[in-house]
Amino acid sequence: MPNIRPVSDLRNNFADISRVVHETQEPVFLTKNGYGDMVVMSIEAYERKLFESEIYFKLKEAELEAKTTDKRYSHKEVFDELRSKLSERMESDEV
């Protein structure tokens, strides 16, 4: 169940809100005059959401590409290409 609190709690009970978002890794929704106004979350939870969004976007992009092309890659082809690029990058970083 979402944790919903008035925005005044941010000023009056900051330490409690901070504790809740860190312990639960869930956001706290803040209301102003009975309407949603802000969301407070820990940096870790925020970064996790960004990462999940990026993964979702990339999967959707891959799904669209798969629908529009007949080209398919084997597991070996993908990992060989990744290894090659990593090797090139490591060599260029050493120089």
N, C-alpha and C. Protein backbone atom coordinates (compact mmCIF):
# COMPACT_ATOMS: atom_id res chain seq x y z
N MET A 1 0.85 -1.18 0.00
CA MET A 1 0.00 0.00 0.00
C MET A 1 0.89 1.25 0.00
N PRO A 2 0.59 2.22 -0.86
CA PRO A 2 1.45 3.41 -0.93
C PRO A 2 1.44 4.21 0.36
N ASN A 3 2.56 4.81 0.67
CA ASN A 3 2.71 5.67 1.84
C ASN A 3 2.41 7.10 1.38
N ILE A 4 1.27 7.63 1.80
CA ILE A 4 0.83 8.97 1.38
C ILE A 4 0.77 9.86 2.61
N ARG A 5 1.43 11.02 2.49
CA ARG A 5 1.49 11.95 3.62
C ARG A 5 1.34 13.37 3.11
N PRO A 6 0.90 14.28 3.99
CA PRO A 6 0.82 15.69 3.58
C PRO A 6 2.23 16.27 3.42
N VAL A 7 2.38 17.22 2.51
CA VAL A 7 3.68 17.81 2.23
C VAL A 7 4.27 18.48 3.47
N SER A 8 3.43 18.91 4.39
CA SER A 8 3.93 19.53 5.62
C SER A 8 4.76 18.55 6.44
N ASP A 9 4.52 17.24 6.27
CA ASP A 9 5.32 16.24 6.97
C ASP A 9 6.78 16.27 6.54
N LEU A 10 7.03 16.75 5.33
CA LEU A 10 8.41 16.83 4.87
C LEU A 10 9.21 17.78 5.76
N ARG A 11 8.57 18.87 6.15
CA ARG A 11 9.23 19.84 7.02
C ARG A 11 9.19 19.37 8.48
N ASN A 12 8.05 18.87 8.92
CA ASN A 12 7.86 18.54 10.33
C ASN A 12 8.40 17.17 10.74
N ASN A 13 8.48 16.24 9.79
CA ASN A 13 8.90 14.87 10.11
C ASN A 13 9.91 14.34 9.10
N PHE A 14 10.86 15.20 8.72
CA PHE A 14 11.82 14.82 7.69
C PHE A 14 12.57 13.54 8.05
N ALA A 15 13.05 13.45 9.29
CA ALA A 15 13.84 12.28 9.71
C ALA A 15 13.03 11.00 9.56
N ASP A 16 11.74 11.05 9.89
CA ASP A 16 10.89 9.87 9.78
C ASP A 16 10.68 9.48 8.31
N ILE A 17 10.45 10.47 7.45
CA ILE A 17 10.27 10.19 6.02
C ILE A 17 11.56 9.61 5.45
N SER A 18 12.69 10.18 5.83
CA SER A 18 13.98 9.66 5.36
C SER A 18 14.17 8.22 5.78
N ARG A 19 13.87 7.92 7.02
CA ARG A 19 14.00 6.55 7.52
C ARG A 19 13.11 5.60 6.73
N VAL A 20 11.86 6.00 6.50
CA VAL A 20 10.90 5.15 5.78
C VAL A 20 11.37 4.84 4.36
N VAL A 21 11.80 5.87 3.61
CA VAL A 21 12.19 5.62 2.22
C VAL A 21 13.45 4.77 2.13
N HIS A 22 14.34 4.88 3.13
CA HIS A 22 15.55 4.05 3.11
C HIS A 22 15.29 2.62 3.57
N GLU A 23 14.45 2.46 4.57
CA GLU A 23 14.17 1.12 5.08
C GLU A 23 13.30 0.31 4.13
N THR A 24 12.30 0.95 3.53
CA THR A 24 11.36 0.22 2.68
C THR A 24 11.77 0.19 1.22
N GLN A 25 12.68 1.10 0.82
CA GLN A 25 13.05 1.27 -0.59
C GLN A 25 11.83 1.56 -1.46
N GLU A 26 10.79 2.13 -0.84
CA GLU A 26 9.58 2.54 -1.54
C GLU A 26 9.42 4.04 -1.42
N PRO A 27 8.76 4.67 -2.39
CA PRO A 27 8.57 6.12 -2.32
C PRO A 27 7.51 6.52 -1.31
N VAL A 28 7.59 7.77 -0.88
CA VAL A 28 6.54 8.38 -0.06
C VAL A 28 5.90 9.45 -0.95
N PHE A 29 4.59 9.38 -1.09
CA PHE A 29 3.84 10.33 -1.90
C PHE A 29 3.37 11.47 -1.01
N LEU A 30 3.65 12.69 -1.42
CA LEU A 30 3.28 13.86 -0.63
C LEU A 30 2.13 14.60 -1.31
N THR A 31 1.15 15.00 -0.48
CA THR A 31 -0.01 15.71 -1.02
C THR A 31 -0.02 17.16 -0.54
N LYS A 32 -0.64 18.00 -1.35
CA LYS A 32 -0.81 19.42 -1.01
C LYS A 32 -2.29 19.73 -1.26
N ASN A 33 -2.97 20.17 -0.22
CA ASN A 33 -4.41 20.43 -0.30
C ASN A 33 -5.19 19.22 -0.80
N GLY A 34 -4.74 18.04 -0.40
CA GLY A 34 -5.45 16.81 -0.74
C GLY A 34 -5.13 16.23 -2.11
N TYR A 35 -4.25 16.87 -2.86
CA TYR A 35 -3.88 16.39 -4.19
C TYR A 35 -2.41 16.02 -4.23
N GLY A 36 -2.07 15.04 -5.06
CA GLY A 36 -0.69 14.64 -5.21
C GLY A 36 0.19 15.80 -5.63
N ASP A 37 1.34 15.95 -4.98
CA ASP A 37 2.24 17.06 -5.28
C ASP A 37 3.65 16.60 -5.59
N MET A 38 4.21 15.69 -4.77
CA MET A 38 5.59 15.25 -4.93
C MET A 38 5.74 13.79 -4.51
N VAL A 39 6.87 13.23 -4.92
CA VAL A 39 7.26 11.89 -4.50
C VAL A 39 8.67 11.98 -3.95
N VAL A 40 8.90 11.37 -2.80
CA VAL A 40 10.23 11.34 -2.19
C VAL A 40 10.68 9.89 -2.16
N MET A 41 11.91 9.66 -2.62
CA MET A 41 12.46 8.30 -2.59
C MET A 41 13.95 8.37 -2.35
N SER A 42 14.51 7.26 -1.91
CA SER A 42 15.96 7.20 -1.68
C SER A 42 16.67 7.24 -3.03
N ILE A 43 17.92 7.64 -3.00
CA ILE A 43 18.72 7.66 -4.23
C ILE A 43 18.84 6.26 -4.80
N GLU A 44 19.01 5.26 -3.94
CA GLU A 44 19.13 3.88 -4.41
C GLU A 44 17.87 3.45 -5.16
N ALA A 45 16.70 3.77 -4.60
CA ALA A 45 15.44 3.41 -5.25
C ALA A 45 15.29 4.15 -6.58
N TYR A 46 15.68 5.42 -6.60
CA TYR A 46 15.60 6.21 -7.82
C TYR A 46 16.50 5.63 -8.91
N GLU A 47 17.74 5.30 -8.55
CA GLU A 47 18.66 4.73 -9.52
C GLU A 47 18.16 3.38 -10.04
N ARG A 48 17.56 2.59 -9.16
CA ARG A 48 17.00 1.30 -9.57
C ARG A 48 15.88 1.51 -10.59
N LYS A 49 15.01 2.50 -10.33
CA LYS A 49 13.92 2.82 -11.27
C LYS A 49 14.48 3.27 -12.62
N LEU A 50 15.51 4.10 -12.61
CA LEU A 50 16.13 4.54 -13.87
C LEU A 50 16.68 3.35 -14.64
N PHE A 51 17.37 2.47 -13.93
CA PHE A 51 17.96 1.28 -14.56
C PHE A 51 16.87 0.40 -15.16
N GLU A 52 15.79 0.18 -14.41
CA GLU A 52 14.69 -0.64 -14.91
C GLU A 52 14.04 0.00 -16.12
N SER A 53 13.90 1.32 -16.11
CA SER A 53 13.33 2.03 -17.25
C SER A 53 14.21 1.89 -18.48
N GLU A 54 15.52 1.99 -18.29
CA GLU A 54 16.45 1.87 -19.41
C GLU A 54 16.40 0.46 -20.00
N ILE A 55 16.36 -0.53 -19.14
CA ILE A 55 16.28 -1.91 -19.61
C ILE A 55 14.99 -2.12 -20.38
N TYR A 56 13.87 -1.63 -19.84
CA TYR A 56 12.58 -1.78 -20.50
C TYR A 56 12.62 -1.13 -21.88
N PHE A 57 13.18 0.09 -21.96
CA PHE A 57 13.27 0.80 -23.24
C PHE A 57 14.10 0.01 -24.24
N LYS A 58 15.23 -0.52 -23.79
CA LYS A 58 16.10 -1.27 -24.70
C LYS A 58 15.43 -2.57 -25.16
N LEU A 59 14.69 -3.23 -24.27
CA LEU A 59 13.97 -4.44 -24.67
C LEU A 59 12.88 -4.12 -25.69
N LYS A 60 12.18 -3.01 -25.49
CA LYS A 60 11.15 -2.59 -26.45
C LYS A 60 11.77 -2.26 -27.80
N GLU A 61 12.92 -1.60 -27.76
CA GLU A 61 13.64 -1.25 -28.98
C GLU A 61 14.05 -2.52 -29.73
N ALA A 62 14.56 -3.51 -29.00
CA ALA A 62 14.98 -4.78 -29.60
C ALA A 62 13.76 -5.52 -30.17
N GLU A 63 12.66 -5.47 -29.45
CA GLU A 63 11.43 -6.13 -29.92
C GLU A 63 10.95 -5.51 -31.23
N LEU A 64 10.99 -4.19 -31.31
CA LEU A 64 10.59 -3.50 -32.54
C LEU A 64 11.53 -3.85 -33.69
N GLU A 65 12.82 -3.87 -33.42
CA GLU A 65 13.78 -4.24 -34.46
C GLU A 65 13.55 -5.67 -34.93
N ALA A 66 13.26 -6.57 -34.01
CA ALA A 66 13.01 -7.97 -34.36
C ALA A 66 11.78 -8.09 -35.26
N LYS A 67 10.80 -7.22 -35.06
CA LYS A 67 9.58 -7.26 -35.89
C LYS A 67 9.83 -6.70 -37.29
N THR A 68 10.82 -5.83 -37.42
CA THR A 68 11.02 -5.14 -38.70
C THR A 68 12.16 -5.71 -39.52
N THR A 69 12.84 -6.72 -39.04
CA THR A 69 13.95 -7.31 -39.79
C THR A 69 13.96 -8.82 -39.62
N ASP A 70 14.52 -9.49 -40.61
CA ASP A 70 14.64 -10.94 -40.54
C ASP A 70 15.99 -11.38 -39.99
N LYS A 71 16.89 -10.42 -39.77
CA LYS A 71 18.24 -10.74 -39.28
C LYS A 71 18.17 -11.22 -37.84
N ARG A 72 18.79 -12.34 -37.56
CA ARG A 72 18.87 -12.88 -36.22
C ARG A 72 20.32 -13.19 -35.89
N TYR A 73 20.68 -13.06 -34.64
CA TYR A 73 22.05 -13.30 -34.19
C TYR A 73 22.06 -14.46 -33.21
N SER A 74 23.06 -15.30 -33.35
CA SER A 74 23.21 -16.41 -32.40
C SER A 74 23.86 -15.88 -31.12
N HIS A 75 23.77 -16.67 -30.10
CA HIS A 75 24.42 -16.36 -28.82
C HIS A 75 25.91 -16.14 -29.03
N LYS A 76 26.52 -17.02 -29.81
CA LYS A 76 27.95 -16.94 -30.07
C LYS A 76 28.31 -15.65 -30.79
N GLU A 77 27.53 -15.26 -31.79
CA GLU A 77 27.80 -14.02 -32.54
C GLU A 77 27.74 -12.80 -31.62
N VAL A 78 26.73 -12.75 -30.78
CA VAL A 78 26.56 -11.61 -29.88
C VAL A 78 27.73 -11.51 -28.92
N PHE A 79 28.08 -12.61 -28.28
CA PHE A 79 29.14 -12.57 -27.28
C PHE A 79 30.52 -12.38 -27.91
N ASP A 80 30.72 -12.92 -29.11
CA ASP A 80 31.99 -12.67 -29.80
C ASP A 80 32.15 -11.19 -30.11
N GLU A 81 31.08 -10.56 -30.57
CA GLU A 81 31.12 -9.12 -30.86
C GLU A 81 31.36 -8.31 -29.59
N LEU A 82 30.70 -8.67 -28.50
CA LEU A 82 30.92 -7.97 -27.23
C LEU A 82 32.36 -8.11 -26.75
N ARG A 83 32.89 -9.32 -26.83
CA ARG A 83 34.27 -9.55 -26.41
C ARG A 83 35.24 -8.74 -27.26
N SER A 84 34.97 -8.68 -28.55
CA SER A 84 35.83 -7.92 -29.45
C SER A 84 35.82 -6.44 -29.09
N LYS A 85 34.63 -5.90 -28.85
CA LYS A 85 34.53 -4.48 -28.49
C LYS A 85 35.18 -4.18 -27.15
N LEU A 86 34.98 -5.07 -26.18
CA LEU A 86 35.63 -4.89 -24.87
C LEU A 86 37.14 -4.94 -25.00
N SER A 87 37.62 -5.86 -25.80
CA SER A 87 39.06 -5.99 -26.00
C SER A 87 39.62 -4.72 -26.65
N GLU A 88 38.94 -4.21 -27.66
CA GLU A 88 39.37 -2.97 -28.32
C GLU A 88 39.39 -1.81 -27.33
N ARG A 89 38.36 -1.72 -26.52
CA ARG A 89 38.28 -0.62 -25.55
C ARG A 89 39.39 -0.72 -24.52
N MET A 90 39.67 -1.92 -24.05
CA MET A 90 40.73 -2.10 -23.06
C MET A 90 42.08 -1.74 -23.65
N GLU A 91 42.31 -2.12 -24.91
CA GLU A 91 43.57 -1.80 -25.57
C GLU A 91 43.71 -0.30 -25.76
N SER A 92 42.63 0.38 -26.12
CA SER A 92 42.70 1.83 -26.33
C SER A 92 42.88 2.57 -25.00
N ASP A 93 42.37 2.02 -23.91
CA ASP A 93 42.54 2.63 -22.58
C ASP A 93 43.97 2.49 -22.08
N GLU A 94 44.67 1.44 -22.52
CA GLU A 94 46.04 1.20 -22.08
C GLU A 94 47.02 2.15 -22.75
N VAL A 95 46.64 2.66 -23.91
CA VAL A 95 47.57 3.52 -24.67
C VAL A 95 47.62 4.89 -24.12
